[in-house]
Amino acid sequence: MSYSRWNLFRKGWIDTLPLVVAAAPFGVLYGALAIDNGLSLWSVLGMSLLVYAGASQFIAVTLLASATALPVICLTVFIVNLRHMLYAAALMPHVREISLPRRTLMAFWLTDETFAVVSQRLQTEVQRGELIWYYLGSALFMYSNWALCTLVGVTVGSQLPNMTEWGLDVAMVVAFVSIVVPALKRFPQWACSAVAVVCSILMRDWPNQSGLMISSLLAVITGMVLEKGMKK
């Protein structure tokens, strides 16, 4: 790695540091809650290492604890993660020249936080060929932090008093809003967010988290249709 590439990599994780700090308590909470709900150590760690989708992991643990059918869990997690298709569509023009194996890794490590940081950076001085190094600096920092915090939650989470009363559920929403809103630049993005908010409120009492599933699906469809319409 050249000096300039190392600088980009380092800049990626430096810019991501505030979001890493904000995400750390959620990683600890996830590890503790997953163990409390009967998941094995390796299942909890494996989910963070192989699934790596914070919000979906919380949803999956909640649904598993309520004995929800596995197909419903998989479908819910899939639909919640559909927002990554919008992220990928936004980044695709900037990564076309990157090899498929590297793009595959970038897709796996794509999170709300990394997308927000990279999107802001793309508006400044990063050139297309240099994006991967900045991206990896952000993504690997988030990934290792999530895995480490999950391990902390698994090992010492039970010793932390009243974690469920820390108000992290509210903090998670605030953190997500602070990440997403600055990245909303175009009408399809705002429309997608508006549909998600309105539908999730109207459907909040639907059984088995189906309201969350349907509202996420409607939001993604709205964003994709509007994006396609604006390109014509």
C-alpha atoms as a PDB file:
ATOM      1  CA  MET A   1       0.000   0.000   0.000  1.00  0.00           C
ATOM      2  CA  SER A   2       1.496   3.308  -1.050  1.00  0.00           C
ATOM      3  CA  TYR A   3       1.773   6.256   1.292  1.00  0.00           C
ATOM      4  CA  SER A   4      -1.134   8.031  -0.399  1.00  0.00           C
ATOM      5  CA  ARG A   5      -3.286   4.915  -0.118  1.00  0.00           C
ATOM      6  CA  TRP A   6      -2.388   4.550   3.533  1.00  0.00           C
ATOM      7  CA  ASN A   7      -3.372   8.175   4.093  1.00  0.00           C
ATOM      8  CA  LEU A   8      -6.757   7.516   2.498  1.00  0.00           C
ATOM      9  CA  PHE A   9      -7.222   4.361   4.572  1.00  0.00           C
ATOM     10  CA  ARG A  10      -6.311   6.243   7.737  1.00  0.00           C
ATOM     11  CA  LYS A  11      -8.585   9.147   6.819  1.00  0.00           C
ATOM     12  CA  GLY A  12     -11.434   6.664   6.349  1.00  0.00           C
ATOM     13  CA  TRP A  13     -11.227   5.317   9.855  1.00  0.00           C
ATOM     14  CA  ILE A  14     -10.583   8.731  11.385  1.00  0.00           C
ATOM     15  CA  ASP A  15     -13.747  10.122   9.774  1.00  0.00           C
ATOM     16  CA  THR A  16     -15.669   7.069  10.992  1.00  0.00           C
ATOM     17  CA  LEU A  17     -14.436   7.297  14.590  1.00  0.00           C
ATOM     18  CA  PRO A  18     -17.448   9.262  15.954  1.00  0.00           C
ATOM     19  CA  LEU A  19     -19.840   6.719  14.442  1.00  0.00           C
ATOM     20  CA  VAL A  20     -17.784   3.839  15.807  1.00  0.00           C
ATOM     21  CA  VAL A  21     -18.045   5.314  19.295  1.00  0.00           C
ATOM     22  CA  ALA A  22     -21.800   5.754  18.843  1.00  0.00           C
ATOM     23  CA  ALA A  23     -22.221   2.160  17.633  1.00  0.00           C
ATOM     24  CA  ALA A  24     -20.182   0.548  20.420  1.00  0.00           C
ATOM     25  CA  PRO A  25     -22.953   0.408  23.080  1.00  0.00           C
ATOM     26  CA  PHE A  26     -25.302  -1.227  20.589  1.00  0.00           C
ATOM     27  CA  GLY A  27     -22.776  -3.953  19.858  1.00  0.00           C
ATOM     28  CA  VAL A  28     -22.427  -4.656  23.568  1.00  0.00           C
ATOM     29  CA  LEU A  29     -26.192  -4.629  24.012  1.00  0.00           C
ATOM     30  CA  TYR A  30     -26.697  -6.989  21.080  1.00  0.00           C
ATOM     31  CA  GLY A  31     -24.220  -9.500  22.499  1.00  0.00           C
ATOM     32  CA  ALA A  32     -25.819  -9.386  25.938  1.00  0.00           C
ATOM     33  CA  LEU A  33     -29.405  -9.643  24.658  1.00  0.00           C
ATOM     34  CA  ALA A  34     -28.600 -12.479  22.279  1.00  0.00           C
ATOM     35  CA  ILE A  35     -27.037 -14.539  25.060  1.00  0.00           C
ATOM     36  CA  ASP A  36     -29.948 -13.736  27.386  1.00  0.00           C
ATOM     37  CA  ASN A  37     -32.348 -14.994  24.715  1.00  0.00           C
ATOM     38  CA  GLY A  38     -30.659 -18.371  24.555  1.00  0.00           C
ATOM     39  CA  LEU A  39     -28.321 -18.079  21.585  1.00  0.00           C
ATOM     40  CA  SER A  40     -24.985 -19.842  21.867  1.00  0.00           C
ATOM     41  CA  LEU A  41     -21.682 -17.987  21.979  1.00  0.00           C
ATOM     42  CA  TRP A  42     -20.736 -19.027  18.455  1.00  0.00           C
ATOM     43  CA  SER A  43     -24.178 -18.198  17.090  1.00  0.00           C
ATOM     44  CA  VAL A  44     -23.962 -14.680  18.492  1.00  0.00           C
ATOM     45  CA  LEU A  45     -20.428 -14.061  17.237  1.00  0.00           C
ATOM     46  CA  GLY A  46     -21.148 -15.772  13.931  1.00  0.00           C
ATOM     47  CA  MET A  47     -24.089 -13.478  13.303  1.00  0.00           C
ATOM     48  CA  SER A  48     -21.917 -10.400  13.822  1.00  0.00           C
ATOM     49  CA  LEU A  49     -19.104 -11.767  11.654  1.00  0.00           C
ATOM     50  CA  LEU A  50     -21.141 -13.330   8.839  1.00  0.00           C
ATOM     51  CA  VAL A  51     -24.417 -11.391   8.816  1.00  0.00           C
ATOM     52  CA  TYR A  52     -23.034  -8.056  10.041  1.00  0.00           C
ATOM     53  CA  ALA A  53     -26.260  -6.073  10.016  1.00  0.00           C
ATOM     54  CA  GLY A  54     -26.828  -4.381  13.357  1.00  0.00           C
ATOM     55  CA  ALA A  55     -30.517  -3.494  13.152  1.00  0.00           C
ATOM     56  CA  SER A  56     -31.375  -6.813  11.521  1.00  0.00           C
ATOM     57  CA  GLN A  57     -29.485  -8.701  14.205  1.00  0.00           C
ATOM     58  CA  PHE A  58     -31.578  -7.051  16.917  1.00  0.00           C
ATOM     59  CA  ILE A  59     -34.736  -7.874  14.972  1.00  0.00           C
ATOM     60  CA  ALA A  60     -33.642 -11.477  14.466  1.00  0.00           C
ATOM     61  CA  VAL A  61     -32.885 -11.950  18.165  1.00  0.00           C
ATOM     62  CA  THR A  62     -36.264 -10.471  19.122  1.00  0.00           C
ATOM     63  CA  LEU A  63     -38.118 -12.702  16.678  1.00  0.00           C
ATOM     64  CA  LEU A  64     -36.171 -15.788  17.753  1.00  0.00           C
ATOM     65  CA  ALA A  65     -37.043 -15.075  21.380  1.00  0.00           C
ATOM     66  CA  SER A  66     -40.740 -14.925  20.467  1.00  0.00           C
ATOM     67  CA  ALA A  67     -40.522 -18.265  18.614  1.00  0.00           C
ATOM     68  CA  THR A  68     -41.282 -16.689  15.242  1.00  0.00           C
ATOM     69  CA  ALA A  69     -41.080 -19.055  12.276  1.00  0.00           C
ATOM     70  CA  LEU A  70     -37.685 -19.080  10.566  1.00  0.00           C
ATOM     71  CA  PRO A  71     -39.044 -18.100   7.105  1.00  0.00           C
ATOM     72  CA  VAL A  72     -40.652 -15.005   8.655  1.00  0.00           C
ATOM     73  CA  ILE A  73     -37.370 -14.068  10.339  1.00  0.00           C
ATOM     74  CA  CYS A  74     -35.394 -14.477   7.116  1.00  0.00           C
ATOM     75  CA  LEU A  75     -37.920 -12.512   5.081  1.00  0.00           C
ATOM     76  CA  THR A  76     -38.069  -9.702   7.648  1.00  0.00           C
ATOM     77  CA  VAL A  77     -34.284  -9.386   7.802  1.00  0.00           C
ATOM     78  CA  PHE A  78     -34.074  -9.465   4.010  1.00  0.00           C
ATOM     79  CA  ILE A  79     -36.612  -6.682   3.581  1.00  0.00           C
ATOM     80  CA  VAL A  80     -35.091  -4.516   6.317  1.00  0.00           C
ATOM     81  CA  ASN A  81     -31.751  -4.780   4.518  1.00  0.00           C
ATOM     82  CA  LEU A  82     -33.210  -3.826   1.138  1.00  0.00           C
ATOM     83  CA  ARG A  83     -32.166  -0.240   1.838  1.00  0.00           C
ATOM     84  CA  HIS A  84     -28.653  -1.391   0.968  1.00  0.00           C
ATOM     85  CA  MET A  85     -29.801  -1.698  -2.633  1.00  0.00           C
ATOM     86  CA  LEU A  86     -30.325   2.067  -2.622  1.00  0.00           C
ATOM     87  CA  TYR A  87     -26.896   2.562  -1.070  1.00  0.00           C
ATOM     88  CA  ALA A  88     -25.328   0.302  -3.696  1.00  0.00           C
ATOM     89  CA  ALA A  89     -27.104   2.111  -6.518  1.00  0.00           C
ATOM     90  CA  ALA A  90     -25.751   5.439  -5.261  1.00  0.00           C
ATOM     91  CA  LEU A  91     -22.183   4.114  -5.023  1.00  0.00           C
ATOM     92  CA  MET A  92     -22.147   2.050  -8.222  1.00  0.00           C
ATOM     93  CA  PRO A  93     -21.027   4.871 -10.550  1.00  0.00           C
ATOM     94  CA  HIS A  94     -17.968   5.340  -8.340  1.00  0.00           C
ATOM     95  CA  VAL A  95     -16.905   1.680  -8.116  1.00  0.00           C
ATOM     96  CA  ARG A  96     -17.428   0.395 -11.674  1.00  0.00           C
ATOM     97  CA  GLU A  97     -13.682   0.261 -12.319  1.00  0.00           C
ATOM     98  CA  ILE A  98     -13.005  -1.778  -9.166  1.00  0.00           C
ATOM     99  CA  SER A  99     -12.702  -5.552  -9.647  1.00  0.00           C
ATOM    100  CA  LEU A 100     -15.678  -7.774  -8.829  1.00  0.00           C
ATOM    101  CA  PRO A 101     -13.990  -9.568  -5.876  1.00  0.00           C
ATOM    102  CA  ARG A 102     -13.204  -6.215  -4.265  1.00  0.00           C
ATOM    103  CA  ARG A 103     -16.699  -4.893  -4.940  1.00  0.00           C
ATOM    104  CA  THR A 104     -18.102  -8.035  -3.333  1.00  0.00           C
ATOM    105  CA  LEU A 105     -16.154  -7.356  -0.141  1.00  0.00           C
ATOM    106  CA  MET A 106     -17.204  -3.714  -0.233  1.00  0.00           C
ATOM    107  CA  ALA A 107     -20.840  -4.796  -0.526  1.00  0.00           C
ATOM    108  CA  PHE A 108     -20.534  -7.115   2.474  1.00  0.00           C
ATOM    109  CA  TRP A 109     -19.017  -4.364   4.618  1.00  0.00           C
ATOM    110  CA  LEU A 110     -21.535  -1.714   3.518  1.00  0.00           C
ATOM    111  CA  THR A 111     -23.340  -0.204   6.509  1.00  0.00           C
ATOM    112  CA  ASP A 112     -25.376   2.913   7.181  1.00  0.00           C
ATOM    113  CA  GLU A 113     -22.353   4.497   8.844  1.00  0.00           C
ATOM    114  CA  THR A 114     -19.858   3.709   6.098  1.00  0.00           C
ATOM    115  CA  PHE A 115     -22.303   4.809   3.413  1.00  0.00           C
ATOM    116  CA  ALA A 116     -22.843   8.132   5.183  1.00  0.00           C
ATOM    117  CA  VAL A 117     -19.113   8.774   5.618  1.00  0.00           C
ATOM    118  CA  VAL A 118     -18.202   7.737   2.079  1.00  0.00           C
ATOM    119  CA  SER A 119     -21.069   9.747   0.564  1.00  0.00           C
ATOM    120  CA  GLN A 120     -19.849  12.874   2.320  1.00  0.00           C
ATOM    121  CA  ARG A 121     -16.299  12.195   1.174  1.00  0.00           C
ATOM    122  CA  LEU A 122     -17.353  11.734  -2.446  1.00  0.00           C
ATOM    123  CA  GLN A 123     -18.596  15.316  -2.423  1.00  0.00           C
ATOM    124  CA  THR A 124     -15.071  16.548  -1.708  1.00  0.00           C
ATOM    125  CA  GLU A 125     -11.723  15.382  -3.029  1.00  0.00           C
ATOM    126  CA  VAL A 126     -11.614  11.569  -3.299  1.00  0.00           C
ATOM    127  CA  GLN A 127     -11.112  10.441  -6.874  1.00  0.00           C
ATOM    128  CA  ARG A 128     -12.817   7.347  -8.225  1.00  0.00           C
ATOM    129  CA  GLY A 129      -9.697   5.160  -8.283  1.00  0.00           C
ATOM    130  CA  GLU A 130      -8.882   6.049  -4.685  1.00  0.00           C
ATOM    131  CA  LEU A 131     -12.321   5.378  -3.215  1.00  0.00           C
ATOM    132  CA  ILE A 132     -11.639   1.793  -2.231  1.00  0.00           C
ATOM    133  CA  TRP A 133      -8.875   2.705   0.239  1.00  0.00           C
ATOM    134  CA  TYR A 134     -10.952   5.329   2.005  1.00  0.00           C
ATOM    135  CA  TYR A 135     -13.938   2.959   1.970  1.00  0.00           C
ATOM    136  CA  LEU A 136     -11.928   0.091   3.474  1.00  0.00           C
ATOM    137  CA  GLY A 137     -10.592   2.340   6.215  1.00  0.00           C
ATOM    138  CA  SER A 138     -14.141   3.146   7.257  1.00  0.00           C
ATOM    139  CA  ALA A 139     -15.652  -0.292   6.683  1.00  0.00           C
ATOM    140  CA  LEU A 140     -12.982  -2.372   8.415  1.00  0.00           C
ATOM    141  CA  PHE A 141     -13.022  -0.075  11.436  1.00  0.00           C
ATOM    142  CA  MET A 142     -16.800  -0.461  11.752  1.00  0.00           C
ATOM    143  CA  TYR A 143     -16.618  -4.226  11.204  1.00  0.00           C
ATOM    144  CA  SER A 144     -13.897  -4.888  13.772  1.00  0.00           C
ATOM    145  CA  ASN A 145     -15.594  -2.581  16.278  1.00  0.00           C
ATOM    146  CA  TRP A 146     -18.927  -4.398  15.916  1.00  0.00           C
ATOM    147  CA  ALA A 147     -17.300  -7.806  16.323  1.00  0.00           C
ATOM    148  CA  LEU A 148     -15.294  -6.693  19.363  1.00  0.00           C
ATOM    149  CA  CYS A 149     -18.277  -5.042  21.044  1.00  0.00           C
ATOM    150  CA  THR A 150     -20.373  -8.153  20.428  1.00  0.00           C
ATOM    151  CA  LEU A 151     -17.699 -10.203  22.186  1.00  0.00           C
ATOM    152  CA  VAL A 152     -17.700  -7.744  25.095  1.00  0.00           C
ATOM    153  CA  GLY A 153     -21.481  -8.010  25.351  1.00  0.00           C
ATOM    154  CA  VAL A 154     -21.324 -11.802  25.314  1.00  0.00           C
ATOM    155  CA  THR A 155     -18.652 -12.022  27.999  1.00  0.00           C
ATOM    156  CA  VAL A 156     -19.479  -9.206  30.413  1.00  0.00           C
ATOM    157  CA  GLY A 157     -22.916  -8.000  29.330  1.00  0.00           C
ATOM    158  CA  SER A 158     -24.670  -9.957  32.053  1.00  0.00           C
ATOM    159  CA  GLN A 159     -22.594  -8.111  34.656  1.00  0.00           C
ATOM    160  CA  LEU A 160     -23.754  -4.690  33.470  1.00  0.00           C
ATOM    161  CA  PRO A 161     -26.808  -3.584  35.455  1.00  0.00           C
ATOM    162  CA  ASN A 162     -30.156  -2.921  33.754  1.00  0.00           C
ATOM    163  CA  MET A 163     -28.859  -2.557  30.204  1.00  0.00           C
ATOM    164  CA  THR A 164     -32.408  -2.558  28.880  1.00  0.00           C
ATOM    165  CA  GLU A 165     -33.090   0.594  30.915  1.00  0.00           C
ATOM    166  CA  TRP A 166     -30.229   2.610  29.467  1.00  0.00           C
ATOM    167  CA  GLY A 167     -32.473   4.124  26.813  1.00  0.00           C
ATOM    168  CA  LEU A 168     -30.407   2.678  23.982  1.00  0.00           C
ATOM    169  CA  ASP A 169     -33.550   1.947  21.986  1.00  0.00           C
ATOM    170  CA  VAL A 170     -34.166   5.688  21.730  1.00  0.00           C
ATOM    171  CA  ALA A 171     -30.474   6.374  21.189  1.00  0.00           C
ATOM    172  CA  MET A 172     -30.449   3.915  18.297  1.00  0.00           C
ATOM    173  CA  VAL A 173     -33.194   5.836  16.530  1.00  0.00           C
ATOM    174  CA  VAL A 174     -31.440   9.163  17.135  1.00  0.00           C
ATOM    175  CA  ALA A 175     -28.136   7.760  15.891  1.00  0.00           C
ATOM    176  CA  PHE A 176     -29.755   6.350  12.765  1.00  0.00           C
ATOM    177  CA  VAL A 177     -31.492   9.644  11.988  1.00  0.00           C
ATOM    178  CA  SER A 178     -28.239  11.574  12.459  1.00  0.00           C
ATOM    179  CA  ILE A 179     -26.565   9.241   9.971  1.00  0.00           C
ATOM    180  CA  VAL A 180     -29.298   9.151   7.355  1.00  0.00           C
ATOM    181  CA  VAL A 181     -30.553  12.748   7.226  1.00  0.00           C
ATOM    182  CA  PRO A 182     -27.245  14.368   6.130  1.00  0.00           C
ATOM    183  CA  ALA A 183     -27.076  11.826   3.292  1.00  0.00           C
ATOM    184  CA  LEU A 184     -30.511  12.781   1.929  1.00  0.00           C
ATOM    185  CA  LYS A 185     -29.704  14.982  -1.038  1.00  0.00           C
ATOM    186  CA  ARG A 186     -32.255  14.133  -3.710  1.00  0.00           C
ATOM    187  CA  PHE A 187     -36.047  13.832  -3.910  1.00  0.00           C
ATOM    188  CA  PRO A 188     -36.161  10.004  -4.219  1.00  0.00           C
ATOM    189  CA  GLN A 189     -34.144   9.696  -1.011  1.00  0.00           C
ATOM    190  CA  TRP A 190     -36.438  12.056   0.880  1.00  0.00           C
ATOM    191  CA  ALA A 191     -39.523  10.310  -0.486  1.00  0.00           C
ATOM    192  CA  CYS A 192     -38.169   6.909   0.517  1.00  0.00           C
ATOM    193  CA  SER A 193     -37.528   8.144   4.058  1.00  0.00           C
ATOM    194  CA  ALA A 194     -40.953   9.780   4.318  1.00  0.00           C
ATOM    195  CA  VAL A 195     -42.744   6.609   3.211  1.00  0.00           C
ATOM    196  CA  ALA A 196     -40.726   4.563   5.707  1.00  0.00           C
ATOM    197  CA  VAL A 197     -41.580   6.877   8.609  1.00  0.00           C
ATOM    198  CA  VAL A 198     -45.295   7.232   7.828  1.00  0.00           C
ATOM    199  CA  CYS A 199     -45.879   3.552   7.090  1.00  0.00           C
ATOM    200  CA  SER A 200     -43.932   2.329  10.115  1.00  0.00           C
ATOM    201  CA  ILE A 201     -46.053   4.558  12.371  1.00  0.00           C
ATOM    202  CA  LEU A 202     -49.322   3.442  10.788  1.00  0.00           C
ATOM    203  CA  MET A 203     -48.322  -0.225  10.896  1.00  0.00           C
ATOM    204  CA  ARG A 204     -46.560  -0.308  14.264  1.00  0.00           C
ATOM    205  CA  ASP A 205     -49.188  -2.577  15.854  1.00  0.00           C
ATOM    206  CA  TRP A 206     -49.176  -5.208  13.132  1.00  0.00           C
ATOM    207  CA  PRO A 207     -48.260  -8.722  14.384  1.00  0.00           C
ATOM    208  CA  ASN A 208     -44.847 -10.414  14.077  1.00  0.00           C
ATOM    209  CA  GLN A 209     -43.092  -7.200  13.032  1.00  0.00           C
ATOM    210  CA  SER A 210     -44.981  -7.405   9.718  1.00  0.00           C
ATOM    211  CA  GLY A 211     -45.546  -3.646   9.795  1.00  0.00           C
ATOM    212  CA  LEU A 212     -41.797  -3.049   9.830  1.00  0.00           C
ATOM    213  CA  MET A 213     -41.381  -5.500   6.986  1.00  0.00           C
ATOM    214  CA  ILE A 214     -44.085  -3.957   4.793  1.00  0.00           C
ATOM    215  CA  SER A 215     -43.078  -0.352   5.502  1.00  0.00           C
ATOM    216  CA  SER A 216     -39.456  -1.125   4.607  1.00  0.00           C
ATOM    217  CA  LEU A 217     -40.530  -2.797   1.380  1.00  0.00           C
ATOM    218  CA  LEU A 218     -42.800   0.107   0.393  1.00  0.00           C
ATOM    219  CA  ALA A 219     -40.047   2.623   1.136  1.00  0.00           C
ATOM    220  CA  VAL A 220     -37.488   0.786  -0.973  1.00  0.00           C
ATOM    221  CA  ILE A 221     -39.938   0.389  -3.866  1.00  0.00           C
ATOM    222  CA  THR A 222     -40.729   4.111  -3.693  1.00  0.00           C
ATOM    223  CA  GLY A 223     -37.073   5.064  -3.823  1.00  0.00           C
ATOM    224  CA  MET A 224     -36.256   2.688  -6.676  1.00  0.00           C
ATOM    225  CA  VAL A 225     -39.245   3.768  -8.797  1.00  0.00           C
ATOM    226  CA  LEU A 226     -38.450   7.464  -8.355  1.00  0.00           C
ATOM    227  CA  GLU A 227     -34.740   6.933  -9.056  1.00  0.00           C
ATOM    228  CA  LYS A 228     -35.595   5.059 -12.244  1.00  0.00           C
ATOM    229  CA  GLY A 229     -38.077   7.735 -13.280  1.00  0.00           C
ATOM    230  CA  MET A 230     -35.545  10.537 -12.833  1.00  0.00           C
ATOM    231  CA  LYS A 231     -33.016   8.757 -15.068  1.00  0.00           C
ATOM    232  CA  LYS A 232     -35.414   8.640 -18.028  1.00  0.00           C
END
